[in-house]
Full PDB file with SEQRES, HELIX, SHEET, SSBOND, CRYST1, ORIGX, SCALE, CONECT and MASTER records, all heavy atoms in Angstrom:
SEQRES   1 A   33  GLY LEU TRP LEU PRO LEU ASN PRO ARG HIS LYS GLY PHE          
SEQRES   2 A   33  ALA THR ASP LYS PRO ASN ASP PRO PHE ARG ILE ASP PRO          
SEQRES   3 A   33  ASN ASP ASP ASP ARG PRO LEU                                  
CRYST1    1.000    1.000    1.000  90.00  90.00  90.00 P 1           1          
ORIGX1      1.000000  0.000000  0.000000        0.00000                         
ORIGX2      0.000000  1.000000  0.000000        0.00000                         
ORIGX3      0.000000  0.000000  1.000000        0.00000                         
SCALE1      1.000000  0.000000  0.000000        0.00000                         
SCALE2      0.000000  1.000000  0.000000        0.00000                         
SCALE3      0.000000  0.000000  1.000000        0.00000                         
ATOM      1  N   GLY A   1       0.814  -1.229   0.021  1.00  0.00           N  
ATOM      2  CA  GLY A   1       0.010  -0.027  -0.023  1.00  0.00           C  
ATOM      3  C   GLY A   1       0.837   1.256   0.014  1.00  0.00           C  
ATOM      4  O   GLY A   1       2.011   1.285  -0.425  1.00  0.00           O  
ATOM      5  N   LEU A   2       0.260   2.341   0.480  1.00  0.00           N  
ATOM      6  CA  LEU A   2       0.838   3.682   0.434  1.00  0.00           C  
ATOM      7  C   LEU A   2       2.150   3.674   1.225  1.00  0.00           C  
ATOM      8  O   LEU A   2       2.968   4.542   1.042  1.00  0.00           O  
ATOM      9  CB  LEU A   2      -0.138   4.642   1.098  1.00  0.00           C  
ATOM     10  CG  LEU A   2       0.118   6.154   0.998  1.00  0.00           C  
ATOM     11  CD1 LEU A   2       0.268   6.574  -0.470  1.00  0.00           C  
ATOM     12  CD2 LEU A   2      -0.981   6.944   1.688  1.00  0.00           C  
ATOM     13  N   TRP A   3       2.353   2.748   2.161  1.00  0.00           N  
ATOM     14  CA  TRP A   3       3.539   2.708   2.992  1.00  0.00           C  
ATOM     15  C   TRP A   3       4.791   2.426   2.177  1.00  0.00           C  
ATOM     16  O   TRP A   3       5.935   2.789   2.575  1.00  0.00           O  
ATOM     17  CB  TRP A   3       3.438   1.721   4.102  1.00  0.00           C  
ATOM     18  CG  TRP A   3       4.713   1.460   4.858  1.00  0.00           C  
ATOM     19  CD1 TRP A   3       5.239   2.215   5.844  1.00  0.00           C  
ATOM     20  CD2 TRP A   3       5.655   0.416   4.647  1.00  0.00           C  
ATOM     21  NE1 TRP A   3       6.376   1.695   6.309  1.00  0.00           N  
ATOM     22  CE2 TRP A   3       6.663   0.571   5.618  1.00  0.00           C  
ATOM     23  CE3 TRP A   3       5.726  -0.680   3.777  1.00  0.00           C  
ATOM     24  CZ2 TRP A   3       7.792  -0.278   5.631  1.00  0.00           C  
ATOM     25  CZ3 TRP A   3       6.757  -1.541   3.858  1.00  0.00           C  
ATOM     26  CH2 TRP A   3       7.830  -1.342   4.777  1.00  0.00           C  
ATOM     27  N   LEU A   4       4.700   1.667   1.056  1.00  0.00           N  
ATOM     28  CA  LEU A   4       5.888   1.251   0.334  1.00  0.00           C  
ATOM     29  C   LEU A   4       6.833   2.391   0.115  1.00  0.00           C  
ATOM     30  O   LEU A   4       6.519   3.412  -0.588  1.00  0.00           O  
ATOM     31  CB  LEU A   4       5.446   0.693  -1.013  1.00  0.00           C  
ATOM     32  CG  LEU A   4       6.608  -0.044  -1.845  1.00  0.00           C  
ATOM     33  CD1 LEU A   4       7.048  -1.271  -1.135  1.00  0.00           C  
ATOM     34  CD2 LEU A   4       6.038  -0.376  -3.232  1.00  0.00           C  
ATOM     35  N   PRO A   5       8.002   2.358   0.778  1.00  0.00           N  
ATOM     36  CA  PRO A   5       8.927   3.588   0.878  1.00  0.00           C  
ATOM     37  C   PRO A   5       9.455   3.999  -0.476  1.00  0.00           C  
ATOM     38  O   PRO A   5       9.673   3.190  -1.410  1.00  0.00           O  
ATOM     39  CB  PRO A   5       9.996   3.116   1.818  1.00  0.00           C  
ATOM     40  CG  PRO A   5       9.435   1.918   2.562  1.00  0.00           C  
ATOM     41  CD  PRO A   5       8.532   1.247   1.588  1.00  0.00           C  
ATOM     42  N   LEU A   6       9.708   5.299  -0.612  1.00  0.00           N  
ATOM     43  CA  LEU A   6      10.433   5.850  -1.766  1.00  0.00           C  
ATOM     44  C   LEU A   6      11.954   5.689  -1.497  1.00  0.00           C  
ATOM     45  O   LEU A   6      12.430   5.822  -0.376  1.00  0.00           O  
ATOM     46  CB  LEU A   6      10.122   7.344  -1.916  1.00  0.00           C  
ATOM     47  CG  LEU A   6       8.788   7.670  -2.477  1.00  0.00           C  
ATOM     48  CD1 LEU A   6       8.540   9.183  -2.404  1.00  0.00           C  
ATOM     49  CD2 LEU A   6       8.636   7.252  -3.958  1.00  0.00           C  
ATOM     50  N   ASN A   7      12.720   5.484  -2.573  1.00  0.00           N  
ATOM     51  CA  ASN A   7      14.142   5.416  -2.475  1.00  0.00           C  
ATOM     52  C   ASN A   7      14.785   5.914  -3.744  1.00  0.00           C  
ATOM     53  O   ASN A   7      14.680   5.253  -4.817  1.00  0.00           O  
ATOM     54  CB  ASN A   7      14.605   3.942  -2.223  1.00  0.00           C  
ATOM     55  CG  ASN A   7      16.090   3.842  -1.948  1.00  0.00           C  
ATOM     56  OD1 ASN A   7      16.734   4.829  -1.603  1.00  0.00           O  
ATOM     57  ND2 ASN A   7      16.640   2.664  -2.120  1.00  0.00           N  
ATOM     58  N   PRO A   8      15.330   7.142  -3.794  1.00  0.00           N  
ATOM     59  CA  PRO A   8      15.467   8.020  -2.627  1.00  0.00           C  
ATOM     60  C   PRO A   8      14.117   8.710  -2.303  1.00  0.00           C  
ATOM     61  O   PRO A   8      13.286   8.867  -3.160  1.00  0.00           O  
ATOM     62  CB  PRO A   8      16.458   9.076  -3.194  1.00  0.00           C  
ATOM     63  CG  PRO A   8      16.240   9.128  -4.638  1.00  0.00           C  
ATOM     64  CD  PRO A   8      15.937   7.689  -5.018  1.00  0.00           C  
ATOM     65  N   ARG A   9      14.069   9.180  -1.106  1.00  0.00           N  
ATOM     66  CA  ARG A   9      12.775   9.590  -0.547  1.00  0.00           C  
ATOM     67  C   ARG A   9      12.347  10.991  -0.975  1.00  0.00           C  
ATOM     68  O   ARG A   9      11.187  11.408  -0.685  1.00  0.00           O  
ATOM     69  CB  ARG A   9      12.709   9.475   0.981  1.00  0.00           C  
ATOM     70  CG  ARG A   9      13.653  10.401   1.678  1.00  0.00           C  
ATOM     71  CD  ARG A   9      13.518  10.280   3.215  1.00  0.00           C  
ATOM     72  NE  ARG A   9      14.323  11.214   3.887  1.00  0.00           N  
ATOM     73  CZ  ARG A   9      14.158  11.442   5.231  1.00  0.00           C  
ATOM     74  NH1 ARG A   9      13.322  10.823   5.948  1.00  0.00           N  
ATOM     75  NH2 ARG A   9      14.988  12.369   5.825  1.00  0.00           N  
ATOM     76  N   HIS A  10      13.209  11.741  -1.593  1.00  0.00           N  
ATOM     77  CA  HIS A  10      12.824  13.135  -1.962  1.00  0.00           C  
ATOM     78  C   HIS A  10      12.335  13.293  -3.406  1.00  0.00           C  
ATOM     79  O   HIS A  10      12.081  14.390  -3.882  1.00  0.00           O  
ATOM     80  CB  HIS A  10      14.082  14.026  -1.783  1.00  0.00           C  
ATOM     81  CG  HIS A  10      15.174  13.800  -2.754  1.00  0.00           C  
ATOM     82  ND1 HIS A  10      15.839  12.607  -2.864  1.00  0.00           N  
ATOM     83  CD2 HIS A  10      15.704  14.588  -3.740  1.00  0.00           C  
ATOM     84  CE1 HIS A  10      16.782  12.670  -3.782  1.00  0.00           C  
ATOM     85  NE2 HIS A  10      16.693  13.849  -4.338  1.00  0.00           N  
ATOM     86  N   LYS A  11      12.130  12.132  -4.110  1.00  0.00           N  
ATOM     87  CA  LYS A  11      11.599  12.221  -5.491  1.00  0.00           C  
ATOM     88  C   LYS A  11      10.838  10.919  -5.784  1.00  0.00           C  
ATOM     89  O   LYS A  11      10.873   9.954  -4.986  1.00  0.00           O  
ATOM     90  CB  LYS A  11      12.781  12.364  -6.469  1.00  0.00           C  
ATOM     91  CG  LYS A  11      13.827  11.261  -6.432  1.00  0.00           C  
ATOM     92  CD  LYS A  11      14.858  11.408  -7.503  1.00  0.00           C  
ATOM     93  CE  LYS A  11      15.721  12.640  -7.340  1.00  0.00           C  
ATOM     94  NZ  LYS A  11      16.838  12.692  -8.339  1.00  0.00           N  
ATOM     95  N   GLY A  12      10.098  10.957  -6.901  1.00  0.00           N  
ATOM     96  CA  GLY A  12       9.318   9.823  -7.267  1.00  0.00           C  
ATOM     97  C   GLY A  12       7.898   9.774  -6.601  1.00  0.00           C  
ATOM     98  O   GLY A  12       7.301   8.734  -6.489  1.00  0.00           O  
ATOM     99  N   PHE A  13       7.380  10.967  -6.225  1.00  0.00           N  
ATOM    100  CA  PHE A  13       6.094  10.998  -5.557  1.00  0.00           C  
ATOM    101  C   PHE A  13       5.006  10.550  -6.525  1.00  0.00           C  
ATOM    102  O   PHE A  13       5.157  10.583  -7.749  1.00  0.00           O  
ATOM    103  CB  PHE A  13       5.821  12.461  -5.083  1.00  0.00           C  
ATOM    104  CG  PHE A  13       6.816  12.965  -4.074  1.00  0.00           C  
ATOM    105  CD1 PHE A  13       7.799  13.835  -4.541  1.00  0.00           C  
ATOM    106  CD2 PHE A  13       6.806  12.520  -2.760  1.00  0.00           C  
ATOM    107  CE1 PHE A  13       8.783  14.306  -3.608  1.00  0.00           C  
ATOM    108  CE2 PHE A  13       7.779  12.961  -1.874  1.00  0.00           C  
ATOM    109  CZ  PHE A  13       8.761  13.857  -2.330  1.00  0.00           C  
ATOM    110  N   ALA A  14       3.844  10.175  -5.992  1.00  0.00           N  
ATOM    111  CA  ALA A  14       2.715   9.678  -6.822  1.00  0.00           C  
ATOM    112  C   ALA A  14       2.223  10.794  -7.768  1.00  0.00           C  
ATOM    113  O   ALA A  14       2.283  11.995  -7.448  1.00  0.00           O  
ATOM    114  CB  ALA A  14       1.566   9.280  -5.890  1.00  0.00           C  
ATOM    115  N   THR A  15       1.805  10.358  -8.932  1.00  0.00           N  
ATOM    116  CA  THR A  15       1.318  11.273  -9.970  1.00  0.00           C  
ATOM    117  C   THR A  15      -0.092  10.880 -10.368  1.00  0.00           C  
ATOM    118  O   THR A  15      -0.657   9.849  -9.884  1.00  0.00           O  
ATOM    119  CB  THR A  15       2.230  11.234 -11.202  1.00  0.00           C  
ATOM    120  OG1 THR A  15       2.099   9.954 -11.825  1.00  0.00           O  
ATOM    121  CG2 THR A  15       3.685  11.452 -10.759  1.00  0.00           C  
ATOM    122  N   ASP A  16      -0.671  11.644 -11.357  1.00  0.00           N  
ATOM    123  CA  ASP A  16      -1.954  11.278 -11.890  1.00  0.00           C  
ATOM    124  C   ASP A  16      -1.892  10.513 -13.169  1.00  0.00           C  
ATOM    125  O   ASP A  16      -2.864  10.331 -13.823  1.00  0.00           O  
ATOM    126  CB  ASP A  16      -2.807  12.575 -12.042  1.00  0.00           C  
ATOM    127  CG  ASP A  16      -2.127  13.551 -13.005  1.00  0.00           C  
ATOM    128  OD1 ASP A  16      -0.999  13.240 -13.547  1.00  0.00           O  
ATOM    129  OD2 ASP A  16      -2.685  14.599 -13.271  1.00  0.00           O  
ATOM    130  N   LYS A  17      -0.666   9.989 -13.491  1.00  0.00           N  
ATOM    131  CA  LYS A  17      -0.517   9.206 -14.741  1.00  0.00           C  
ATOM    132  C   LYS A  17      -1.248   7.860 -14.631  1.00  0.00           C  
ATOM    133  O   LYS A  17      -1.174   7.189 -13.576  1.00  0.00           O  
ATOM    134  CB  LYS A  17       0.974   9.028 -15.004  1.00  0.00           C  
ATOM    135  CG  LYS A  17       1.718  10.311 -15.249  1.00  0.00           C  
ATOM    136  CD  LYS A  17       3.219  10.048 -15.526  1.00  0.00           C  
ATOM    137  CE  LYS A  17       3.928  11.362 -15.817  1.00  0.00           C  
ATOM    138  NZ  LYS A  17       5.375  11.169 -16.036  1.00  0.00           N  
ATOM    139  N   PRO A  18      -1.884   7.423 -15.665  1.00  0.00           N  
ATOM    140  CA  PRO A  18      -2.671   6.211 -15.616  1.00  0.00           C  
ATOM    141  C   PRO A  18      -1.845   4.936 -15.259  1.00  0.00           C  
ATOM    142  O   PRO A  18      -2.357   4.026 -14.667  1.00  0.00           O  
ATOM    143  CB  PRO A  18      -3.245   6.041 -17.070  1.00  0.00           C  
ATOM    144  CG  PRO A  18      -3.223   7.485 -17.591  1.00  0.00           C  
ATOM    145  CD  PRO A  18      -2.037   8.141 -16.952  1.00  0.00           C  
ATOM    146  N   ASN A  19      -0.545   4.959 -15.656  1.00  0.00           N  
ATOM    147  CA  ASN A  19       0.268   3.767 -15.361  1.00  0.00           C  
ATOM    148  C   ASN A  19       0.979   3.809 -13.956  1.00  0.00           C  
ATOM    149  O   ASN A  19       1.771   2.963 -13.676  1.00  0.00           O  
ATOM    150  CB  ASN A  19       1.373   3.592 -16.435  1.00  0.00           C  
ATOM    151  CG  ASN A  19       2.266   4.763 -16.524  1.00  0.00           C  
ATOM    152  OD1 ASN A  19       2.027   5.867 -16.008  1.00  0.00           O  
ATOM    153  ND2 ASN A  19       3.433   4.565 -17.197  1.00  0.00           N  
ATOM    154  N   ASP A  20       0.703   4.883 -13.191  1.00  0.00           N  
ATOM    155  CA  ASP A  20       1.276   5.001 -11.923  1.00  0.00           C  
ATOM    156  C   ASP A  20       0.489   4.139 -10.933  1.00  0.00           C  
ATOM    157  O   ASP A  20      -0.716   4.341 -10.680  1.00  0.00           O  
ATOM    158  CB  ASP A  20       1.224   6.469 -11.434  1.00  0.00           C  
ATOM    159  CG  ASP A  20       1.990   6.710 -10.116  1.00  0.00           C  
ATOM    160  OD1 ASP A  20       2.202   5.733  -9.352  1.00  0.00           O  
ATOM    161  OD2 ASP A  20       2.341   7.890  -9.854  1.00  0.00           O  
ATOM    162  N   PRO A  21       1.101   3.084 -10.299  1.00  0.00           N  
ATOM    163  CA  PRO A  21       0.372   2.246  -9.352  1.00  0.00           C  
ATOM    164  C   PRO A  21      -0.163   3.022  -8.132  1.00  0.00           C  
ATOM    165  O   PRO A  21      -1.039   2.487  -7.469  1.00  0.00           O  
ATOM    166  CB  PRO A  21       1.423   1.173  -8.981  1.00  0.00           C  
ATOM    167  CG  PRO A  21       2.729   1.854  -9.195  1.00  0.00           C  
ATOM    168  CD  PRO A  21       2.555   2.700 -10.389  1.00  0.00           C  
ATOM    169  N   PHE A  22       0.371   4.186  -7.849  1.00  0.00           N  
ATOM    170  CA  PHE A  22      -0.175   4.996  -6.727  1.00  0.00           C  
ATOM    171  C   PHE A  22      -0.839   6.192  -7.225  1.00  0.00           C  
ATOM    172  O   PHE A  22      -0.886   7.271  -6.588  1.00  0.00           O  
ATOM    173  CB  PHE A  22       1.050   5.392  -5.864  1.00  0.00           C  
ATOM    174  CG  PHE A  22       1.774   4.262  -5.225  1.00  0.00           C  
ATOM    175  CD1 PHE A  22       2.925   3.759  -5.814  1.00  0.00           C  
ATOM    176  CD2 PHE A  22       1.290   3.664  -4.074  1.00  0.00           C  
ATOM    177  CE1 PHE A  22       3.599   2.745  -5.283  1.00  0.00           C  
ATOM    178  CE2 PHE A  22       1.933   2.553  -3.520  1.00  0.00           C  
ATOM    179  CZ  PHE A  22       3.142   2.080  -4.111  1.00  0.00           C  
ATOM    180  N   ARG A  23      -1.476   6.107  -8.434  1.00  0.00           N  
ATOM    181  CA  ARG A  23      -2.026   7.228  -9.144  1.00  0.00           C  
ATOM    182  C   ARG A  23      -2.965   8.046  -8.210  1.00  0.00           C  
ATOM    183  O   ARG A  23      -3.801   7.507  -7.519  1.00  0.00           O  
ATOM    184  CB  ARG A  23      -2.809   6.770 -10.390  1.00  0.00           C  
ATOM    185  CG  ARG A  23      -3.926   5.826 -10.063  1.00  0.00           C  
ATOM    186  CD  ARG A  23      -4.437   5.196 -11.393  1.00  0.00           C  
ATOM    187  NE  ARG A  23      -5.470   4.131 -11.128  1.00  0.00           N  
ATOM    188  CZ  ARG A  23      -5.107   2.870 -10.803  1.00  0.00           C  
ATOM    189  NH1 ARG A  23      -3.853   2.504 -10.779  1.00  0.00           N  
ATOM    190  NH2 ARG A  23      -6.047   2.002 -10.568  1.00  0.00           N  
ATOM    191  N   ILE A  24      -2.792   9.343  -8.305  1.00  0.00           N  
ATOM    192  CA  ILE A  24      -3.559  10.305  -7.537  1.00  0.00           C  
ATOM    193  C   ILE A  24      -4.997  10.386  -8.060  1.00  0.00           C  
ATOM    194  O   ILE A  24      -5.163  10.438  -9.253  1.00  0.00           O  
ATOM    195  CB  ILE A  24      -2.925  11.711  -7.549  1.00  0.00           C  
ATOM    196  CG1 ILE A  24      -1.653  11.665  -6.757  1.00  0.00           C  
ATOM    197  CG2 ILE A  24      -3.809  12.783  -6.968  1.00  0.00           C  
ATOM    198  CD1 ILE A  24      -0.768  12.952  -6.853  1.00  0.00           C  
ATOM    199  N   ASP A  25      -5.949  10.361  -7.239  1.00  0.00           N  
ATOM    200  CA  ASP A  25      -7.346  10.420  -7.576  1.00  0.00           C  
ATOM    201  C   ASP A  25      -7.920  11.812  -7.227  1.00  0.00           C  
ATOM    202  O   ASP A  25      -8.059  12.101  -6.059  1.00  0.00           O  
ATOM    203  CB  ASP A  25      -8.125   9.317  -6.858  1.00  0.00           C  
ATOM    204  CG  ASP A  25      -9.602   9.228  -7.343  1.00  0.00           C  
ATOM    205  OD1 ASP A  25     -10.022  10.126  -8.079  1.00  0.00           O  
ATOM    206  OD2 ASP A  25     -10.231   8.256  -6.964  1.00  0.00           O  
ATOM    207  N   PRO A  26      -8.273  12.610  -8.205  1.00  0.00           N  
ATOM    208  CA  PRO A  26      -8.820  13.949  -7.915  1.00  0.00           C  
ATOM    209  C   PRO A  26     -10.134  13.905  -7.234  1.00  0.00           C  
ATOM    210  O   PRO A  26     -10.590  14.868  -6.554  1.00  0.00           O  
ATOM    211  CB  PRO A  26      -8.918  14.614  -9.312  1.00  0.00           C  
ATOM    212  CG  PRO A  26      -8.937  13.478 -10.277  1.00  0.00           C  
ATOM    213  CD  PRO A  26      -8.095  12.409  -9.657  1.00  0.00           C  
ATOM    214  N   ASN A  27     -10.798  12.727  -7.353  1.00  0.00           N  
ATOM    215  CA  ASN A  27     -12.101  12.575  -6.681  1.00  0.00           C  
ATOM    216  C   ASN A  27     -12.022  12.004  -5.226  1.00  0.00           C  
ATOM    217  O   ASN A  27     -12.952  11.763  -4.580  1.00  0.00           O  
ATOM    218  CB  ASN A  27     -13.023  11.642  -7.474  1.00  0.00           C  
ATOM    219  CG  ASN A  27     -13.328  12.176  -8.812  1.00  0.00           C  
ATOM    220  OD1 ASN A  27     -13.642  13.369  -8.981  1.00  0.00           O  
ATOM    221  ND2 ASN A  27     -13.239  11.354  -9.869  1.00  0.00           N  
ATOM    222  N   ASP A  28     -10.740  11.806  -4.801  1.00  0.00           N  
ATOM    223  CA  ASP A  28     -10.518  11.207  -3.479  1.00  0.00           C  
ATOM    224  C   ASP A  28      -9.480  12.082  -2.785  1.00  0.00           C  
ATOM    225  O   ASP A  28      -8.434  11.603  -2.292  1.00  0.00           O  
ATOM    226  CB  ASP A  28     -10.004   9.801  -3.619  1.00  0.00           C  
ATOM    227  CG  ASP A  28     -10.215   9.002  -2.333  1.00  0.00           C  
ATOM    228  OD1 ASP A  28     -10.749   9.529  -1.345  1.00  0.00           O  
ATOM    229  OD2 ASP A  28      -9.811   7.837  -2.290  1.00  0.00           O  
ATOM    230  N   ASP A  29      -9.746  13.346  -2.697  1.00  0.00           N  
ATOM    231  CA  ASP A  29      -8.933  14.320  -1.885  1.00  0.00           C  
ATOM    232  C   ASP A  29      -7.531  14.405  -2.461  1.00  0.00           C  
ATOM    233  O   ASP A  29      -6.572  14.744  -1.790  1.00  0.00           O  
ATOM    234  CB  ASP A  29      -8.895  13.847  -0.406  1.00  0.00           C  
ATOM    235  CG  ASP A  29      -8.403  14.943   0.497  1.00  0.00           C  
ATOM    236  OD1 ASP A  29      -8.563  16.134   0.162  1.00  0.00           O  
ATOM    237  OD2 ASP A  29      -7.887  14.651   1.550  1.00  0.00           O  
ATOM    238  N   ASP A  30      -7.323  14.117  -3.759  1.00  0.00           N  
ATOM    239  CA  ASP A  30      -6.017  14.185  -4.410  1.00  0.00           C  
ATOM    240  C   ASP A  30      -5.003  13.315  -3.691  1.00  0.00           C  
ATOM    241  O   ASP A  30      -3.807  13.677  -3.632  1.00  0.00           O  
ATOM    242  CB  ASP A  30      -5.540  15.640  -4.502  1.00  0.00           C  
ATOM    243  CG  ASP A  30      -6.257  16.422  -5.576  1.00  0.00           C  
ATOM    244  OD1 ASP A  30      -6.611  15.822  -6.619  1.00  0.00           O  
ATOM    245  OD2 ASP A  30      -6.514  17.639  -5.389  1.00  0.00           O  
ATOM    246  N   ARG A  31      -5.447  12.198  -3.164  1.00  0.00           N  
ATOM    247  CA  ARG A  31      -4.528  11.318  -2.458  1.00  0.00           C  
ATOM    248  C   ARG A  31      -4.047  10.183  -3.341  1.00  0.00           C  
ATOM    249  O   ARG A  31      -4.722   9.753  -4.292  1.00  0.00           O  
ATOM    250  CB  ARG A  31      -5.240  10.703  -1.276  1.00  0.00           C  
ATOM    251  CG  ARG A  31      -5.760  11.716  -0.267  1.00  0.00           C  
ATOM    252  CD  ARG A  31      -4.687  12.095   0.736  1.00  0.00           C  
ATOM    253  NE  ARG A  31      -5.238  12.947   1.792  1.00  0.00           N  
ATOM    254  CZ  ARG A  31      -4.627  13.147   2.893  1.00  0.00           C  
ATOM    255  NH1 ARG A  31      -3.426  12.595   3.152  1.00  0.00           N  
ATOM    256  NH2 ARG A  31      -5.175  13.956   3.832  1.00  0.00           N  
ATOM    257  N   PRO A  32      -2.833   9.717  -3.104  1.00  0.00           N  
ATOM    258  CA  PRO A  32      -2.299   8.517  -3.803  1.00  0.00           C  
ATOM    259  C   PRO A  32      -3.131   7.271  -3.403  1.00  0.00           C  
ATOM    260  O   PRO A  32      -3.638   7.234  -2.301  1.00  0.00           O  
ATOM    261  CB  PRO A  32      -0.876   8.387  -3.371  1.00  0.00           C  
ATOM    262  CG  PRO A  32      -0.490   9.684  -2.799  1.00  0.00           C  
ATOM    263  CD  PRO A  32      -1.773  10.320  -2.232  1.00  0.00           C  
ATOM    264  N   LEU A  33      -3.334   6.344  -4.321  1.00  0.00           N  
ATOM    265  CA  LEU A  33      -4.050   5.120  -4.044  1.00  0.00           C  
ATOM    266  C   LEU A  33      -3.314   4.355  -2.979  1.00  0.00           C  
ATOM    267  O   LEU A  33      -2.094   4.115  -3.022  1.00  0.00           O  
ATOM    268  CB  LEU A  33      -4.197   4.277  -5.354  1.00  0.00           C  
ATOM    269  CG  LEU A  33      -4.781   2.899  -5.134  1.00  0.00           C  
ATOM    270  CD1 LEU A  33      -6.264   3.058  -4.791  1.00  0.00           C  
ATOM    271  CD2 LEU A  33      -4.619   2.079  -6.398  1.00  0.00           C  
TER     272      LEU A  33                                                      
MASTER        0    0    0    0    0    0    0    6  271    1    0    3          
END                                                                             
């Protein structure tokens, strides 16, 4: 889930791209899945 850590942690944040497994949902408070 959302806990899966970033490495390095200062980049690679979730996006709204369809192929992003943590894709941001604008209908869900703009949160990563």
